[in-house]
Amino acid sequence: MHEPRSYPAAVVAVLLLLTPLIYVGSYCLLVDTNTVCLYGNPDLRYRTSPELCAKIFWPVEQVDRRVRPDAWEDPLIKLIISSIEPESWDRCRGFSSEPNEH
């Protein structure tokens, strides 16, 4: 007759495989990259508990920012930058492309 088997190793393996999937899936559900960050507070990019989510999801957010940098650009900043003419960028920084004549 067959002896009853215990499956602790299989249960542990399944839990170890599901944990990263649940973590990344939760991040994907809670992050909102379309939010405009006011007052320089990037923690507001989460749909709920922004301070807690910012701490919990910091590692995966760093990967996400590298993989999808365009999604993380602030739409308000994009609008402001797109409205500035490229020739005026140097003047905004205090530099001039023209040589100084003293």
C-alpha atoms as a PDB file:
ATOM      1  CA  MET A   1       0.000   0.000   0.000  1.00  0.00           C
ATOM      2  CA  HIS A   2       1.014   3.559  -0.500  1.00  0.00           C
ATOM      3  CA  GLU A   3       2.085   5.613   2.454  1.00  0.00           C
ATOM      4  CA  PRO A   4       0.485   9.037   2.863  1.00  0.00           C
ATOM      5  CA  ARG A   5       2.883  11.675   1.579  1.00  0.00           C
ATOM      6  CA  SER A   6       3.518  14.995   3.109  1.00  0.00           C
ATOM      7  CA  TYR A   7       4.099  17.915   0.780  1.00  0.00           C
ATOM      8  CA  PRO A   8       5.890  20.554   2.864  1.00  0.00           C
ATOM      9  CA  ALA A   9       8.641  20.987   0.286  1.00  0.00           C
ATOM     10  CA  ALA A  10       6.089  21.533  -2.488  1.00  0.00           C
ATOM     11  CA  VAL A  11       4.143  24.029  -0.384  1.00  0.00           C
ATOM     12  CA  VAL A  12       7.322  25.951   0.457  1.00  0.00           C
ATOM     13  CA  ALA A  13       8.363  25.972  -3.214  1.00  0.00           C
ATOM     14  CA  VAL A  14       4.981  27.280  -4.328  1.00  0.00           C
ATOM     15  CA  LEU A  15       5.042  30.000  -1.669  1.00  0.00           C
ATOM     16  CA  LEU A  16       8.568  31.017  -2.662  1.00  0.00           C
ATOM     17  CA  LEU A  17       7.515  31.271  -6.297  1.00  0.00           C
ATOM     18  CA  LEU A  18       4.284  33.136  -5.588  1.00  0.00           C
ATOM     19  CA  THR A  19       5.772  35.739  -3.233  1.00  0.00           C
ATOM     20  CA  PRO A  20       7.672  37.718  -5.924  1.00  0.00           C
ATOM     21  CA  LEU A  21       4.687  37.500  -8.265  1.00  0.00           C
ATOM     22  CA  ILE A  22       2.347  38.863  -5.610  1.00  0.00           C
ATOM     23  CA  TYR A  23       4.859  41.617  -4.727  1.00  0.00           C
ATOM     24  CA  VAL A  24       5.317  42.797  -8.330  1.00  0.00           C
ATOM     25  CA  GLY A  25       1.612  42.386  -9.075  1.00  0.00           C
ATOM     26  CA  SER A  26       0.693  44.499  -6.051  1.00  0.00           C
ATOM     27  CA  TYR A  27       3.151  47.158  -7.168  1.00  0.00           C
ATOM     28  CA  CYS A  28       1.632  47.219 -10.663  1.00  0.00           C
ATOM     29  CA  LEU A  29      -1.858  47.631  -9.218  1.00  0.00           C
ATOM     30  CA  LEU A  30      -0.928  50.384  -6.758  1.00  0.00           C
ATOM     31  CA  VAL A  31       1.482  52.558  -8.755  1.00  0.00           C
ATOM     32  CA  ASP A  32       0.111  55.452 -10.790  1.00  0.00           C
ATOM     33  CA  THR A  33       2.743  57.063 -13.004  1.00  0.00           C
ATOM     34  CA  ASN A  34       0.230  59.527 -14.469  1.00  0.00           C
ATOM     35  CA  THR A  35       0.005  61.495 -11.226  1.00  0.00           C
ATOM     36  CA  VAL A  36       1.489  64.971 -11.229  1.00  0.00           C
ATOM     37  CA  CYS A  37       3.889  65.296  -8.295  1.00  0.00           C
ATOM     38  CA  LEU A  38       3.168  68.542  -6.527  1.00  0.00           C
ATOM     39  CA  TYR A  39       5.592  70.072  -4.084  1.00  0.00           C
ATOM     40  CA  GLY A  40       8.274  67.566  -5.091  1.00  0.00           C
ATOM     41  CA  ASN A  41       6.586  64.682  -3.275  1.00  0.00           C
ATOM     42  CA  PRO A  42       7.027  61.572  -5.447  1.00  0.00           C
ATOM     43  CA  ASP A  43       5.357  59.385  -2.809  1.00  0.00           C
ATOM     44  CA  LEU A  44       1.986  60.530  -4.131  1.00  0.00           C
ATOM     45  CA  ARG A  45       2.370  58.181  -7.093  1.00  0.00           C
ATOM     46  CA  TYR A  46       0.627  55.345  -5.254  1.00  0.00           C
ATOM     47  CA  ARG A  47      -3.127  54.883  -5.164  1.00  0.00           C
ATOM     48  CA  THR A  48      -3.303  54.090  -1.445  1.00  0.00           C
ATOM     49  CA  SER A  49      -1.057  54.561   1.610  1.00  0.00           C
ATOM     50  CA  PRO A  50       1.572  56.479  -0.369  1.00  0.00           C
ATOM     51  CA  GLU A  51       4.183  56.716   2.387  1.00  0.00           C
ATOM     52  CA  LEU A  52       3.982  53.015   3.210  1.00  0.00           C
ATOM     53  CA  CYS A  53       3.936  51.962  -0.459  1.00  0.00           C
ATOM     54  CA  ALA A  54       6.939  54.158  -1.211  1.00  0.00           C
ATOM     55  CA  LYS A  55       8.932  52.261   1.417  1.00  0.00           C
ATOM     56  CA  ILE A  56       7.667  48.778   0.584  1.00  0.00           C
ATOM     57  CA  PHE A  57       7.947  49.071  -3.193  1.00  0.00           C
ATOM     58  CA  TRP A  58      11.173  51.115  -3.349  1.00  0.00           C
ATOM     59  CA  PRO A  59      13.286  48.297  -4.902  1.00  0.00           C
ATOM     60  CA  VAL A  60      10.817  47.439  -7.664  1.00  0.00           C
ATOM     61  CA  GLU A  61      10.164  51.147  -8.300  1.00  0.00           C
ATOM     62  CA  GLN A  62      13.874  51.696  -8.962  1.00  0.00           C
ATOM     63  CA  VAL A  63      13.813  48.882 -11.534  1.00  0.00           C
ATOM     64  CA  ASP A  64      10.618  50.292 -13.049  1.00  0.00           C
ATOM     65  CA  ARG A  65      12.176  53.769 -13.344  1.00  0.00           C
ATOM     66  CA  ARG A  66      15.109  52.297 -15.279  1.00  0.00           C
ATOM     67  CA  VAL A  67      12.954  50.085 -17.500  1.00  0.00           C
ATOM     68  CA  ARG A  68      10.271  52.718 -18.230  1.00  0.00           C
ATOM     69  CA  PRO A  69      11.846  56.162 -17.726  1.00  0.00           C
ATOM     70  CA  ASP A  70       9.289  57.901 -19.959  1.00  0.00           C
ATOM     71  CA  ALA A  71       6.419  56.703 -17.785  1.00  0.00           C
ATOM     72  CA  TRP A  72       8.040  58.311 -14.746  1.00  0.00           C
ATOM     73  CA  GLU A  73       8.563  61.754 -16.233  1.00  0.00           C
ATOM     74  CA  ASP A  74       6.224  64.261 -14.653  1.00  0.00           C
ATOM     75  CA  PRO A  75       3.660  65.370 -17.285  1.00  0.00           C
ATOM     76  CA  LEU A  76       3.728  68.935 -15.953  1.00  0.00           C
ATOM     77  CA  ILE A  77       7.513  69.100 -16.267  1.00  0.00           C
ATOM     78  CA  LYS A  78       7.282  67.620 -19.793  1.00  0.00           C
ATOM     79  CA  LEU A  79       4.846  70.367 -20.745  1.00  0.00           C
ATOM     80  CA  ILE A  80       7.040  73.113 -19.322  1.00  0.00           C
ATOM     81  CA  ILE A  81      10.185  71.769 -20.981  1.00  0.00           C
ATOM     82  CA  SER A  82       8.453  71.313 -24.328  1.00  0.00           C
ATOM     83  CA  SER A  83       7.288  74.935 -24.233  1.00  0.00           C
ATOM     84  CA  ILE A  84      10.840  76.278 -23.775  1.00  0.00           C
ATOM     85  CA  GLU A  85      12.722  76.837 -27.013  1.00  0.00           C
ATOM     86  CA  PRO A  86      16.012  74.915 -27.177  1.00  0.00           C
ATOM     87  CA  GLU A  87      17.996  78.114 -27.857  1.00  0.00           C
ATOM     88  CA  SER A  88      16.888  79.560 -24.530  1.00  0.00           C
ATOM     89  CA  TRP A  89      18.000  76.550 -22.472  1.00  0.00           C
ATOM     90  CA  ASP A  90      21.569  77.806 -22.188  1.00  0.00           C
ATOM     91  CA  ARG A  91      20.366  81.245 -21.084  1.00  0.00           C
ATOM     92  CA  CYS A  92      18.157  79.620 -18.440  1.00  0.00           C
ATOM     93  CA  ARG A  93      21.189  77.865 -17.027  1.00  0.00           C
ATOM     94  CA  GLY A  94      23.272  81.039 -17.106  1.00  0.00           C
ATOM     95  CA  PHE A  95      25.421  79.919 -20.019  1.00  0.00           C
ATOM     96  CA  SER A  96      25.726  81.400 -23.419  1.00  0.00           C
ATOM     97  CA  SER A  97      26.786  79.694 -26.624  1.00  0.00           C
ATOM     98  CA  GLU A  98      28.126  83.019 -27.900  1.00  0.00           C
ATOM     99  CA  PRO A  99      31.717  83.964 -27.027  1.00  0.00           C
ATOM    100  CA  ASN A 100      32.194  86.662 -24.437  1.00  0.00           C
ATOM    101  CA  GLU A 101      33.520  89.927 -25.784  1.00  0.00           C
ATOM    102  CA  HIS A 102      35.072  92.000 -23.004  1.00  0.00           C
END
